[in-house]
C-alpha atoms as a PDB file:
ATOM      1  CA  MET A   1     -36.323 -17.415-148.342  1.00  0.00           C
ATOM      2  CA  GLN A   2     -34.739 -15.551-145.635  1.00  0.00           C
ATOM      3  CA  ASN A   3     -32.309 -17.249-143.362  1.00  0.00           C
ATOM      4  CA  ARG A   4     -33.271 -15.823-139.947  1.00  0.00           C
ATOM      5  CA  ILE A   5     -34.160 -17.717-136.754  1.00  0.00           C
ATOM      6  CA  TYR A   6     -35.555 -16.631-133.325  1.00  0.00           C
ATOM      7  CA  VAL A   7     -34.754 -19.017-130.630  1.00  0.00           C
ATOM      8  CA  THR A   8     -36.923 -18.050-127.738  1.00  0.00           C
ATOM      9  CA  ARG A   9     -33.722 -19.142-125.096  1.00  0.00           C
ATOM     10  CA  GLU A  10     -30.931 -20.041-124.347  1.00  0.00           C
ATOM     11  CA  ILE A  11     -29.924 -23.708-125.854  1.00  0.00           C
ATOM     12  CA  PRO A  12     -26.429 -25.472-125.789  1.00  0.00           C
ATOM     13  CA  GLU A  13     -24.138 -24.102-128.477  1.00  0.00           C
ATOM     14  CA  ILE A  14     -23.736 -27.299-130.480  1.00  0.00           C
ATOM     15  CA  GLY A  15     -26.995 -26.093-132.412  1.00  0.00           C
ATOM     16  CA  ILE A  16     -26.855 -22.542-132.569  1.00  0.00           C
ATOM     17  CA  ASN A  17     -23.341 -23.003-134.007  1.00  0.00           C
ATOM     18  CA  MET A  18     -24.517 -25.540-136.658  1.00  0.00           C
ATOM     19  CA  LEU A  19     -26.666 -23.076-137.939  1.00  0.00           C
ATOM     20  CA  LYS A  20     -24.377 -20.228-138.214  1.00  0.00           C
ATOM     21  CA  GLU A  21     -21.883 -22.551-139.768  1.00  0.00           C
ATOM     22  CA  LYS A  22     -24.727 -22.409-142.682  1.00  0.00           C
ATOM     23  CA  GLY A  23     -24.509 -18.825-142.838  1.00  0.00           C
ATOM     24  CA  TYR A  24     -28.190 -18.523-141.242  1.00  0.00           C
ATOM     25  CA  GLU A  25     -28.618 -15.068-138.954  1.00  0.00           C
ATOM     26  CA  VAL A  26     -29.775 -16.485-135.884  1.00  0.00           C
ATOM     27  CA  VAL A  27     -31.061 -14.216-133.154  1.00  0.00           C
ATOM     28  CA  VAL A  28     -31.391 -16.114-129.444  1.00  0.00           C
ATOM     29  CA  GLY A  29     -33.631 -14.164-126.531  1.00  0.00           C
ATOM     30  CA  ASN A  30     -31.733 -13.663-123.694  1.00  0.00           C
ATOM     31  CA  ASP A  31     -34.452 -14.515-121.077  1.00  0.00           C
ATOM     32  CA  LYS A  32     -33.453 -17.218-118.273  1.00  0.00           C
ATOM     33  CA  LYS A  33     -37.230 -17.572-117.240  1.00  0.00           C
ATOM     34  CA  PRO A  34     -39.972 -18.745-119.850  1.00  0.00           C
ATOM     35  CA  ILE A  35     -41.043 -16.183-121.808  1.00  0.00           C
ATOM     36  CA  SER A  36     -44.974 -14.972-122.379  1.00  0.00           C
ATOM     37  CA  GLN A  37     -46.841 -15.359-125.695  1.00  0.00           C
ATOM     38  CA  LYS A  38     -46.933 -11.800-125.756  1.00  0.00           C
ATOM     39  CA  ASP A  39     -43.538 -11.285-125.755  1.00  0.00           C
ATOM     40  CA  ILE A  40     -42.822 -13.958-128.589  1.00  0.00           C
ATOM     41  CA  ILE A  41     -45.757 -12.207-130.355  1.00  0.00           C
ATOM     42  CA  ASP A  42     -44.240  -8.563-129.989  1.00  0.00           C
ATOM     43  CA  ILE A  43     -40.366  -9.708-130.953  1.00  0.00           C
ATOM     44  CA  LEU A  44     -42.251 -11.569-134.286  1.00  0.00           C
ATOM     45  CA  LYS A  45     -44.327  -8.370-134.759  1.00  0.00           C
ATOM     46  CA  LYS A  46     -41.691  -5.945-134.534  1.00  0.00           C
ATOM     47  CA  ALA A  47     -39.288  -8.295-136.576  1.00  0.00           C
ATOM     48  CA  GLU A  48     -42.152  -8.096-139.591  1.00  0.00           C
ATOM     49  CA  LYS A  49     -42.936  -4.547-139.443  1.00  0.00           C
ATOM     50  CA  ILE A  50     -39.034  -3.234-139.914  1.00  0.00           C
ATOM     51  CA  GLY A  51     -39.053  -5.658-142.823  1.00  0.00           C
ATOM     52  CA  LYS A  52     -36.520  -8.389-140.908  1.00  0.00           C
ATOM     53  CA  PRO A  53     -38.893 -11.026-140.193  1.00  0.00           C
ATOM     54  CA  TYR A  54     -37.975 -14.549-138.863  1.00  0.00           C
ATOM     55  CA  ASN A  55     -39.202 -17.403-141.303  1.00  0.00           C
ATOM     56  CA  ILE A  56     -38.063 -19.895-138.523  1.00  0.00           C
ATOM     57  CA  LEU A  57     -38.708 -20.218-134.559  1.00  0.00           C
ATOM     58  CA  LEU A  58     -36.922 -22.147-132.790  1.00  0.00           C
ATOM     59  CA  SER A  59     -39.299 -22.792-129.631  1.00  0.00           C
ATOM     60  CA  LEU A  60     -39.070 -24.410-126.189  1.00  0.00           C
ATOM     61  CA  LEU A  61     -41.969 -26.505-124.544  1.00  0.00           C
ATOM     62  CA  THR A  62     -42.964 -23.880-122.064  1.00  0.00           C
ATOM     63  CA  ASP A  63     -43.888 -21.381-124.871  1.00  0.00           C
ATOM     64  CA  LYS A  64     -47.160 -21.464-126.411  1.00  0.00           C
ATOM     65  CA  ILE A  65     -47.781 -21.416-130.152  1.00  0.00           C
ATOM     66  CA  ASP A  66     -50.675 -21.383-131.492  1.00  0.00           C
ATOM     67  CA  LYS A  67     -53.089 -19.214-134.153  1.00  0.00           C
ATOM     68  CA  LYS A  68     -52.164 -15.986-132.371  1.00  0.00           C
ATOM     69  CA  VAL A  69     -48.605 -16.192-133.215  1.00  0.00           C
ATOM     70  CA  PHE A  70     -49.120 -17.588-136.739  1.00  0.00           C
ATOM     71  CA  GLU A  71     -51.474 -14.776-137.943  1.00  0.00           C
ATOM     72  CA  ILE A  72     -49.113 -11.760-136.910  1.00  0.00           C
ATOM     73  CA  ALA A  73     -45.907 -13.422-138.436  1.00  0.00           C
ATOM     74  CA  PRO A  74     -46.856 -14.427-141.932  1.00  0.00           C
ATOM     75  CA  SER A  75     -43.520 -14.845-142.983  1.00  0.00           C
ATOM     76  CA  LEU A  76     -42.963 -17.895-140.483  1.00  0.00           C
ATOM     77  CA  LYS A  77     -42.397 -20.770-142.212  1.00  0.00           C
ATOM     78  CA  MET A  78     -41.396 -23.235-139.237  1.00  0.00           C
ATOM     79  CA  VAL A  79     -41.240 -24.073-135.708  1.00  0.00           C
ATOM     80  CA  SER A  80     -38.747 -26.117-134.531  1.00  0.00           C
ATOM     81  CA  ASN A  81     -39.831 -27.784-131.460  1.00  0.00           C
ATOM     82  CA  TYR A  82     -36.872 -27.954-128.867  1.00  0.00           C
ATOM     83  CA  ALA A  83     -38.520 -30.858-127.087  1.00  0.00           C
ATOM     84  CA  ILE A  84     -39.763 -34.326-127.607  1.00  0.00           C
ATOM     85  CA  GLY A  85     -43.283 -33.582-127.229  1.00  0.00           C
ATOM     86  CA  TYR A  86     -44.644 -31.075-128.958  1.00  0.00           C
ATOM     87  CA  ASP A  87     -48.356 -30.267-127.360  1.00  0.00           C
ATOM     88  CA  ASN A  88     -47.129 -26.660-126.427  1.00  0.00           C
ATOM     89  CA  VAL A  89     -47.707 -26.019-130.468  1.00  0.00           C
ATOM     90  CA  ASN A  90     -51.430 -26.167-131.842  1.00  0.00           C
ATOM     91  CA  ILE A  91     -50.820 -28.842-135.120  1.00  0.00           C
ATOM     92  CA  GLU A  92     -53.859 -27.800-136.544  1.00  0.00           C
ATOM     93  CA  ASP A  93     -53.517 -24.213-136.209  1.00  0.00           C
ATOM     94  CA  ALA A  94     -50.035 -24.909-137.592  1.00  0.00           C
ATOM     95  CA  LYS A  95     -51.279 -26.889-140.478  1.00  0.00           C
ATOM     96  CA  GLU A  96     -53.930 -23.992-141.394  1.00  0.00           C
ATOM     97  CA  TYR A  97     -51.569 -21.610-141.661  1.00  0.00           C
ATOM     98  CA  GLY A  98     -48.708 -24.199-143.582  1.00  0.00           C
ATOM     99  CA  VAL A  99     -46.207 -23.949-140.787  1.00  0.00           C
ATOM    100  CA  MET A 100     -44.094 -26.811-140.275  1.00  0.00           C
ATOM    101  CA  VAL A 101     -43.603 -28.052-136.882  1.00  0.00           C
ATOM    102  CA  THR A 102     -40.623 -30.487-136.051  1.00  0.00           C
ATOM    103  CA  ASN A 103     -39.750 -31.935-132.650  1.00  0.00           C
ATOM    104  CA  THR A 104     -36.759 -33.285-131.306  1.00  0.00           C
ATOM    105  CA  PRO A 105     -36.374 -37.299-131.050  1.00  0.00           C
ATOM    106  CA  GLY A 106     -32.718 -38.490-130.620  1.00  0.00           C
ATOM    107  CA  ASP A 107     -30.857 -41.577-129.271  1.00  0.00           C
ATOM    108  CA  TYR A 108     -30.769 -39.954-125.543  1.00  0.00           C
ATOM    109  CA  MET A 109     -34.060 -41.676-124.054  1.00  0.00           C
ATOM    110  CA  GLY A 110     -31.885 -43.150-121.752  1.00  0.00           C
ATOM    111  CA  SER A 111     -30.967 -39.912-119.932  1.00  0.00           C
ATOM    112  CA  VAL A 112     -35.140 -39.889-118.768  1.00  0.00           C
ATOM    113  CA  ALA A 113     -34.814 -43.894-118.178  1.00  0.00           C
ATOM    114  CA  GLU A 114     -32.115 -43.289-115.899  1.00  0.00           C
ATOM    115  CA  HIS A 115     -34.350 -40.805-113.902  1.00  0.00           C
ATOM    116  CA  VAL A 116     -36.676 -42.672-113.611  1.00  0.00           C
ATOM    117  CA  VAL A 117     -34.776 -45.280-112.582  1.00  0.00           C
ATOM    118  CA  ALA A 118     -32.991 -42.722-109.735  1.00  0.00           C
ATOM    119  CA  MET A 119     -36.489 -41.753-108.762  1.00  0.00           C
ATOM    120  CA  THR A 120     -37.546 -45.156-107.894  1.00  0.00           C
ATOM    121  CA  LEU A 121     -34.374 -45.909-106.044  1.00  0.00           C
ATOM    122  CA  SER A 122     -35.155 -42.799-104.298  1.00  0.00           C
ATOM    123  CA  LEU A 123     -38.614 -43.356-103.085  1.00  0.00           C
ATOM    124  CA  CYS A 124     -38.302 -46.992-102.259  1.00  0.00           C
ATOM    125  CA  ASN A 125     -35.204 -46.440-100.549  1.00  0.00           C
ATOM    126  CA  ARG A 126     -36.628 -43.388 -98.971  1.00  0.00           C
ATOM    127  CA  ILE A 127     -33.307 -41.605 -99.618  1.00  0.00           C
ATOM    128  CA  ALA A 128     -34.536 -37.942 -99.645  1.00  0.00           C
ATOM    129  CA  GLU A 129     -36.697 -38.607 -96.646  1.00  0.00           C
ATOM    130  CA  ALA A 130     -33.449 -39.977 -94.954  1.00  0.00           C
ATOM    131  CA  ASP A 131     -31.488 -37.199 -96.206  1.00  0.00           C
ATOM    132  CA  HIS A 132     -33.779 -34.640 -94.961  1.00  0.00           C
ATOM    133  CA  PHE A 133     -33.748 -36.819 -91.736  1.00  0.00           C
ATOM    134  CA  VAL A 134     -29.766 -36.153 -91.012  1.00  0.00           C
ATOM    135  CA  ARG A 135     -29.937 -32.866 -92.372  1.00  0.00           C
ATOM    136  CA  ARG A 136     -32.278 -32.016 -89.267  1.00  0.00           C
ATOM    137  CA  GLY A 137     -30.692 -33.554 -86.797  1.00  0.00           C
ATOM    138  CA  TYR A 138     -32.946 -36.334 -85.802  1.00  0.00           C
ATOM    139  CA  TYR A 139     -29.924 -39.095 -86.832  1.00  0.00           C
ATOM    140  CA  LYS A 140     -29.323 -40.282 -82.817  1.00  0.00           C
ATOM    141  CA  GLY A 141     -27.348 -43.876 -84.060  1.00  0.00           C
ATOM    142  CA  PHE A 142     -28.238 -46.940 -85.846  1.00  0.00           C
ATOM    143  CA  ASP A 143     -31.411 -48.275 -85.549  1.00  0.00           C
ATOM    144  CA  PRO A 144     -32.444 -51.594 -86.950  1.00  0.00           C
ATOM    145  CA  MET A 145     -36.092 -49.795 -87.370  1.00  0.00           C
ATOM    146  CA  LEU A 146     -35.421 -47.285 -88.794  1.00  0.00           C
ATOM    147  CA  MET A 147     -36.168 -45.783 -92.625  1.00  0.00           C
ATOM    148  CA  ILE A 148     -36.871 -49.197 -93.808  1.00  0.00           C
ATOM    149  CA  GLY A 149     -37.947 -49.263 -97.352  1.00  0.00           C
ATOM    150  CA  HIS A 150     -38.072 -51.700-100.369  1.00  0.00           C
ATOM    151  CA  ASP A 151     -36.076 -53.254-102.979  1.00  0.00           C
ATOM    152  CA  VAL A 152     -36.636 -52.548-106.600  1.00  0.00           C
ATOM    153  CA  SER A 153     -35.684 -55.591-107.593  1.00  0.00           C
ATOM    154  CA  GLU A 154     -38.940 -57.527-106.033  1.00  0.00           C
ATOM    155  CA  LYS A 155     -41.388 -55.206-107.976  1.00  0.00           C
ATOM    156  CA  THR A 156     -43.561 -55.420-111.099  1.00  0.00           C
ATOM    157  CA  ILE A 157     -42.921 -52.332-113.361  1.00  0.00           C
ATOM    158  CA  GLY A 158     -45.643 -51.076-115.274  1.00  0.00           C
ATOM    159  CA  ILE A 159     -44.520 -49.196-118.449  1.00  0.00           C
ATOM    160  CA  ILE A 160     -47.844 -47.090-119.793  1.00  0.00           C
ATOM    161  CA  GLY A 161     -46.149 -45.926-123.208  1.00  0.00           C
ATOM    162  CA  ALA A 162     -43.844 -48.155-124.953  1.00  0.00           C
ATOM    163  CA  GLY A 163     -42.234 -45.947-127.119  1.00  0.00           C
ATOM    164  CA  ARG A 164     -38.668 -45.221-127.290  1.00  0.00           C
ATOM    165  CA  ILE A 165     -38.240 -43.644-123.595  1.00  0.00           C
ATOM    166  CA  GLY A 166     -40.893 -47.132-122.218  1.00  0.00           C
ATOM    167  CA  GLU A 167     -38.400 -49.065-124.137  1.00  0.00           C
ATOM    168  CA  LYS A 168     -35.014 -47.508-122.311  1.00  0.00           C
ATOM    169  CA  THR A 169     -36.793 -47.570-118.975  1.00  0.00           C
ATOM    170  CA  THR A 170     -38.103 -51.052-119.192  1.00  0.00           C
ATOM    171  CA  TYR A 171     -34.214 -52.650-120.257  1.00  0.00           C
ATOM    172  CA  CYS A 172     -33.023 -50.318-116.968  1.00  0.00           C
ATOM    173  CA  PHE A 173     -35.424 -52.084-114.370  1.00  0.00           C
ATOM    174  CA  ASN A 174     -35.528 -55.667-116.567  1.00  0.00           C
ATOM    175  CA  LYS A 175     -31.595 -56.403-117.425  1.00  0.00           C
ATOM    176  CA  GLY A 176     -30.362 -53.828-114.500  1.00  0.00           C
ATOM    177  CA  PHE A 177     -32.376 -55.493-111.421  1.00  0.00           C
ATOM    178  CA  GLY A 178     -34.555 -58.303-112.892  1.00  0.00           C
ATOM    179  CA  CYS A 179     -37.750 -57.052-112.526  1.00  0.00           C
ATOM    180  CA  PRO A 180     -40.503 -58.320-114.403  1.00  0.00           C
ATOM    181  CA  ILE A 181     -42.235 -56.259-116.499  1.00  0.00           C
ATOM    182  CA  LEU A 182     -45.739 -55.342-117.687  1.00  0.00           C
ATOM    183  CA  TYR A 183     -46.705 -52.641-120.407  1.00  0.00           C
ATOM    184  CA  TYR A 184     -49.421 -51.073-122.212  1.00  0.00           C
ATOM    185  CA  ASP A 185     -49.675 -49.483-125.106  1.00  0.00           C
ATOM    186  CA  CYS A 186     -51.374 -48.968-128.565  1.00  0.00           C
ATOM    187  CA  HIS A 187     -48.846 -50.790-130.597  1.00  0.00           C
ATOM    188  CA  ARG A 188     -46.673 -53.761-130.151  1.00  0.00           C
ATOM    189  CA  ASN A 189     -43.264 -53.772-128.772  1.00  0.00           C
ATOM    190  CA  GLU A 190     -41.601 -56.551-130.023  1.00  0.00           C
ATOM    191  CA  LYS A 191     -38.247 -55.872-128.742  1.00  0.00           C
ATOM    192  CA  ILE A 192     -39.068 -55.646-125.299  1.00  0.00           C
ATOM    193  CA  GLU A 193     -41.234 -58.824-125.141  1.00  0.00           C
ATOM    194  CA  ASN A 194     -38.107 -60.705-126.562  1.00  0.00           C
ATOM    195  CA  ASP A 195     -35.179 -59.354-124.712  1.00  0.00           C
ATOM    196  CA  CYS A 196     -37.367 -57.984-121.741  1.00  0.00           C
ATOM    197  CA  ASN A 197     -40.001 -61.013-121.704  1.00  0.00           C
ATOM    198  CA  ALA A 198     -42.246 -57.655-121.371  1.00  0.00           C
ATOM    199  CA  LYS A 199     -45.981 -58.839-121.361  1.00  0.00           C
ATOM    200  CA  ARG A 200     -48.513 -56.552-123.090  1.00  0.00           C
ATOM    201  CA  MET A 201     -51.342 -55.593-121.164  1.00  0.00           C
ATOM    202  CA  GLU A 202     -54.507 -55.423-123.265  1.00  0.00           C
ATOM    203  CA  SER A 203     -56.172 -53.954-120.437  1.00  0.00           C
ATOM    204  CA  LEU A 204     -54.778 -50.764-118.612  1.00  0.00           C
ATOM    205  CA  ASN A 205     -56.546 -51.307-115.237  1.00  0.00           C
ATOM    206  CA  ASP A 206     -54.979 -54.947-115.483  1.00  0.00           C
ATOM    207  CA  LEU A 207     -51.887 -53.174-115.497  1.00  0.00           C
ATOM    208  CA  ILE A 208     -52.533 -50.885-113.022  1.00  0.00           C
ATOM    209  CA  LYS A 209     -53.825 -53.569-110.311  1.00  0.00           C
ATOM    210  CA  GLN A 210     -50.644 -55.764-110.917  1.00  0.00           C
ATOM    211  CA  SER A 211     -48.095 -53.261-111.118  1.00  0.00           C
ATOM    212  CA  ASP A 212     -46.116 -52.216-107.778  1.00  0.00           C
ATOM    213  CA  ILE A 213     -44.133 -49.549-109.603  1.00  0.00           C
ATOM    214  CA  ILE A 214     -45.567 -47.148-112.680  1.00  0.00           C
ATOM    215  CA  SER A 215     -43.756 -45.440-115.076  1.00  0.00           C
ATOM    216  CA  LEU A 216     -45.542 -42.875-117.378  1.00  0.00           C
ATOM    217  CA  HIS A 217     -44.508 -42.336-120.718  1.00  0.00           C
ATOM    218  CA  VAL A 218     -47.488 -40.871-122.805  1.00  0.00           C
ATOM    219  CA  PRO A 219     -47.736 -37.585-124.720  1.00  0.00           C
ATOM    220  CA  LEU A 220     -50.190 -35.350-123.461  1.00  0.00           C
ATOM    221  CA  ASN A 221     -53.446 -35.102-125.918  1.00  0.00           C
ATOM    222  CA  GLU A 222     -57.303 -35.636-124.902  1.00  0.00           C
ATOM    223  CA  LYS A 223     -57.035 -38.669-123.967  1.00  0.00           C
ATOM    224  CA  THR A 224     -54.001 -38.772-121.597  1.00  0.00           C
ATOM    225  CA  TYR A 225     -55.316 -35.630-119.893  1.00  0.00           C
ATOM    226  CA  HIS A 226     -56.023 -36.565-116.051  1.00  0.00           C
ATOM    227  CA  MET A 227     -55.105 -39.960-117.167  1.00  0.00           C
ATOM    228  CA  VAL A 228     -53.925 -40.711-113.570  1.00  0.00           C
ATOM    229  CA  ASP A 229     -57.230 -39.680-111.913  1.00  0.00           C
ATOM    230  CA  GLU A 230     -59.434 -41.182-108.679  1.00  0.00           C
ATOM    231  CA  GLU A 231     -60.369 -43.970-110.662  1.00  0.00           C
ATOM    232  CA  PHE A 232     -56.872 -44.937-111.559  1.00  0.00           C
ATOM    233  CA  ILE A 233     -55.544 -44.357-108.493  1.00  0.00           C
ATOM    234  CA  SER A 234     -57.939 -46.335-106.476  1.00  0.00           C
ATOM    235  CA  LYS A 235     -56.996 -49.448-108.909  1.00  0.00           C
ATOM    236  CA  MET A 236     -53.366 -49.361-107.519  1.00  0.00           C
ATOM    237  CA  LYS A 237     -51.977 -51.291-104.691  1.00  0.00           C
ATOM    238  CA  PRO A 238     -51.775 -49.186-101.512  1.00  0.00           C
ATOM    239  CA  ASP A 239     -47.778 -50.039-101.402  1.00  0.00           C
ATOM    240  CA  ALA A 240     -47.426 -49.362-105.379  1.00  0.00           C
ATOM    241  CA  PHE A 241     -45.348 -46.208-106.188  1.00  0.00           C
ATOM    242  CA  ILE A 242     -46.115 -44.038-109.502  1.00  0.00           C
ATOM    243  CA  ILE A 243     -43.678 -42.069-111.749  1.00  0.00           C
ATOM    244  CA  ASN A 244     -44.254 -39.234-114.306  1.00  0.00           C
ATOM    245  CA  THR A 245     -41.500 -37.908-116.343  1.00  0.00           C
ATOM    246  CA  ALA A 246     -44.153 -37.626-119.413  1.00  0.00           C
ATOM    247  CA  ARG A 247     -46.334 -34.289-118.804  1.00  0.00           C
ATOM    248  CA  GLY A 248     -47.894 -32.807-115.793  1.00  0.00           C
ATOM    249  CA  ALA A 249     -51.249 -32.813-116.705  1.00  0.00           C
ATOM    250  CA  VAL A 250     -51.366 -36.192-117.238  1.00  0.00           C
ATOM    251  CA  VAL A 251     -51.981 -36.647-113.236  1.00  0.00           C
ATOM    252  CA  ASP A 252     -54.737 -34.928-111.398  1.00  0.00           C
ATOM    253  CA  GLU A 253     -52.250 -33.505-109.440  1.00  0.00           C
ATOM    254  CA  LYS A 254     -54.856 -32.271-106.451  1.00  0.00           C
ATOM    255  CA  TYR A 255     -56.556 -35.868-106.566  1.00  0.00           C
ATOM    256  CA  LEU A 256     -52.969 -37.208-106.289  1.00  0.00           C
ATOM    257  CA  TYR A 257     -52.240 -34.774-103.734  1.00  0.00           C
ATOM    258  CA  HIS A 258     -54.717 -36.421-101.762  1.00  0.00           C
ATOM    259  CA  ALA A 259     -54.017 -39.655-102.307  1.00  0.00           C
ATOM    260  CA  LEU A 260     -50.779 -39.553-101.203  1.00  0.00           C
ATOM    261  CA  LYS A 261     -51.531 -37.471 -97.871  1.00  0.00           C
ATOM    262  CA  GLU A 262     -54.127 -40.437 -97.044  1.00  0.00           C
ATOM    263  CA  LYS A 263     -51.770 -42.871 -97.953  1.00  0.00           C
ATOM    264  CA  LYS A 264     -53.822 -44.703-100.658  1.00  0.00           C
ATOM    265  CA  ILE A 265     -50.221 -45.132-102.365  1.00  0.00           C
ATOM    266  CA  ALA A 266     -46.973 -45.628-101.127  1.00  0.00           C
ATOM    267  CA  GLY A 267     -45.613 -42.580-103.073  1.00  0.00           C
ATOM    268  CA  ALA A 268     -44.781 -40.839-106.321  1.00  0.00           C
ATOM    269  CA  GLY A 269     -41.908 -39.066-108.118  1.00  0.00           C
ATOM    270  CA  LEU A 270     -43.086 -36.332-110.278  1.00  0.00           C
ATOM    271  CA  ASP A 271     -40.342 -34.334-112.550  1.00  0.00           C
ATOM    272  CA  VAL A 272     -43.305 -32.653-114.544  1.00  0.00           C
ATOM    273  CA  PHE A 273     -46.285 -30.970-112.940  1.00  0.00           C
ATOM    274  CA  GLU A 274     -49.872 -29.986-113.950  1.00  0.00           C
ATOM    275  CA  PHE A 275     -49.385 -26.031-113.063  1.00  0.00           C
ATOM    276  CA  GLU A 276     -45.813 -26.348-114.104  1.00  0.00           C
ATOM    277  CA  PRO A 277     -43.625 -24.082-112.535  1.00  0.00           C
ATOM    278  CA  ASN A 278     -46.276 -23.875-109.549  1.00  0.00           C
ATOM    279  CA  ILE A 279     -46.803 -26.689-107.424  1.00  0.00           C
ATOM    280  CA  THR A 280     -50.152 -27.915-106.250  1.00  0.00           C
ATOM    281  CA  ARG A 281     -50.240 -26.540-102.693  1.00  0.00           C
ATOM    282  CA  GLY A 282     -49.043 -29.214 -99.930  1.00  0.00           C
ATOM    283  CA  LEU A 283     -47.801 -31.344-102.169  1.00  0.00           C
ATOM    284  CA  SER A 284     -44.174 -30.136-101.392  1.00  0.00           C
ATOM    285  CA  LYS A 285     -44.752 -30.943 -97.701  1.00  0.00           C
ATOM    286  CA  LEU A 286     -45.400 -34.563 -98.251  1.00  0.00           C
ATOM    287  CA  GLY A 287     -42.647 -37.209 -97.566  1.00  0.00           C
ATOM    288  CA  ASN A 288     -43.834 -39.881 -99.774  1.00  0.00           C
ATOM    289  CA  VAL A 289     -43.224 -37.567-102.655  1.00  0.00           C
ATOM    290  CA  ILE A 290     -40.047 -37.014-105.040  1.00  0.00           C
ATOM    291  CA  MET A 291     -40.045 -33.568-106.869  1.00  0.00           C
ATOM    292  CA  THR A 292     -37.285 -32.730-109.395  1.00  0.00           C
ATOM    293  CA  PRO A 293     -37.687 -29.575-111.986  1.00  0.00           C
ATOM    294  CA  HIS A 294     -38.269 -30.801-114.979  1.00  0.00           C
ATOM    295  CA  ILE A 295     -34.605 -31.938-115.593  1.00  0.00           C
ATOM    296  CA  ALA A 296     -35.198 -36.065-116.683  1.00  0.00           C
ATOM    297  CA  SER A 297     -33.416 -35.223-119.983  1.00  0.00           C
ATOM    298  CA  ALA A 298     -30.774 -32.741-118.259  1.00  0.00           C
ATOM    299  CA  SER A 299     -28.132 -34.453-119.215  1.00  0.00           C
ATOM    300  CA  ILE A 300     -25.060 -33.038-120.991  1.00  0.00           C
ATOM    301  CA  LYS A 301     -25.444 -35.718-123.883  1.00  0.00           C
ATOM    302  CA  ALA A 302     -29.421 -35.559-124.296  1.00  0.00           C
ATOM    303  CA  ARG A 303     -29.494 -31.088-124.468  1.00  0.00           C
ATOM    304  CA  ASP A 304     -26.533 -31.446-126.857  1.00  0.00           C
ATOM    305  CA  ILE A 305     -28.715 -34.118-128.683  1.00  0.00           C
ATOM    306  CA  MET A 306     -31.765 -32.101-128.720  1.00  0.00           C
ATOM    307  CA  SER A 307     -29.837 -29.069-129.762  1.00  0.00           C
ATOM    308  CA  LYS A 308     -28.242 -30.846-132.364  1.00  0.00           C
ATOM    309  CA  VAL A 309     -31.568 -32.082-133.636  1.00  0.00           C
ATOM    310  CA  ALA A 310     -33.573 -29.100-133.481  1.00  0.00           C
ATOM    311  CA  ALA A 311     -30.915 -27.368-135.622  1.00  0.00           C
ATOM    312  CA  GLN A 312     -30.828 -30.450-138.413  1.00  0.00           C
ATOM    313  CA  ASN A 313     -34.409 -30.204-138.578  1.00  0.00           C
ATOM    314  CA  ILE A 314     -33.937 -26.248-139.785  1.00  0.00           C
ATOM    315  CA  ILE A 315     -30.991 -27.180-141.957  1.00  0.00           C
ATOM    316  CA  ASP A 316     -33.227 -29.970-143.770  1.00  0.00           C
ATOM    317  CA  TYR A 317     -36.074 -27.907-144.297  1.00  0.00           C
ATOM    318  CA  MET A 318     -34.196 -24.714-145.390  1.00  0.00           C
ATOM    319  CA  GLU A 319     -32.306 -27.429-147.594  1.00  0.00           C
ATOM    320  CA  GLY A 320     -35.183 -29.034-149.205  1.00  0.00           C
ATOM    321  CA  GLY A 321     -37.982 -28.051-147.680  1.00  0.00           C
ATOM    322  CA  GLU A 322     -38.793 -30.993-145.602  1.00  0.00           C
ATOM    323  CA  SER A 323     -37.927 -32.454-142.091  1.00  0.00           C
ATOM    324  CA  LYS A 324     -37.999 -36.343-141.001  1.00  0.00           C
ATOM    325  CA  ASN A 325     -39.004 -35.093-138.101  1.00  0.00           C
ATOM    326  CA  ASN A 326     -42.431 -33.374-139.349  1.00  0.00           C
ATOM    327  CA  CYS A 327     -45.082 -33.089-136.753  1.00  0.00           C
ATOM    328  CA  VAL A 328     -47.558 -31.723-139.148  1.00  0.00           C
ATOM    329  CA  LYS A 329     -49.242 -34.829-141.166  1.00  0.00           C
END
C-alpha cells in the first residue's frame, strides 16, 4: 500500500507531524478558503494519472466527498474527516466503493459548550448589542432602564441531543449557573440525570414549550434537516432564545429571520449557517441575533486534538486496516 496522503487545507501541525514521523508522504493544500469538489477531483485525478495516487484523503467539513470523488480515484481507500460530523461525506457512496470514513471525536467538547454559554450570556445580557451601542456613540450616561437583559441563572435550558457536546453543555449551565435542565435524545443519558438532575423529555414539543434557552446538538441528516422550522418556533416561548452550534441546515434560516424580525422569539445565537458561508439576507441587520463564523471548536486545545485524532485514524488504518472512529458501518 502506498502511503500518500492529501490534506485539502492547512490544519494544526501536530497531526501533520505525526503522519510525517511515520514516514508517510503528506501533501497539504495551500488554499485558505474552502476548495471546490472540482478542485479536489482534479488533484486526485492528476495524481492517479501520473502514477502517484493518494490512498488517503484528509478532508474538512467544507469538502463535499461523494461518488464523483470515489469513481475517479480508485486508489483512495480512506477519508479521514477533520470534523465531529461527517455529513459532508456520502457514507453510502463510500461503502459502495469500499472507502473507510472516520471522524474526530475527542475530549474537547468543552470548547463547544463554552461557546454555547458565551453566546447565551451575550444574548441574555445584550453584550454585542451594548458594544455596538457604545461604539456608535449612543451612550450618554448611566440610565437605569438602558439595555435591561435576563439572568441566565433563572432560565430553564433545553438540550436537544445529549451526546458528548450536549452533555458538556448541560454541566456548564447546571453546575455553573444552577439552571434546571431538560433534554431530548433517542438515548438516555444517565450521567446528566444523576449529576445534574436533568430531566429526559419524552416529547420534543414539551421541551420546546418549557425551555427558556434551547441549545441544538444534533447531527445533520434527513430527520434533523429544518428541525427548527415555523412549527418548532411557534411552540417556543416569546422570550426564549435558541443557540445553534450543530449544523446550519438544522434550522430553517429564512423562517428564523422572519421570527426574529417579528419578535416571535427573543433571540438566537448562530455559529453555523444554512447556506454557509453565505448568510440569509437581512439576518446580519437584526439586533437580537449573535453570529460567529463557525468557531465553536476554535480553541487551541480543541483544534490540536482534532488534528491528532484525524492523524491517528490514518495511522491506525495504515497499520491495522481499521479505526475505532470508522463511520462506515
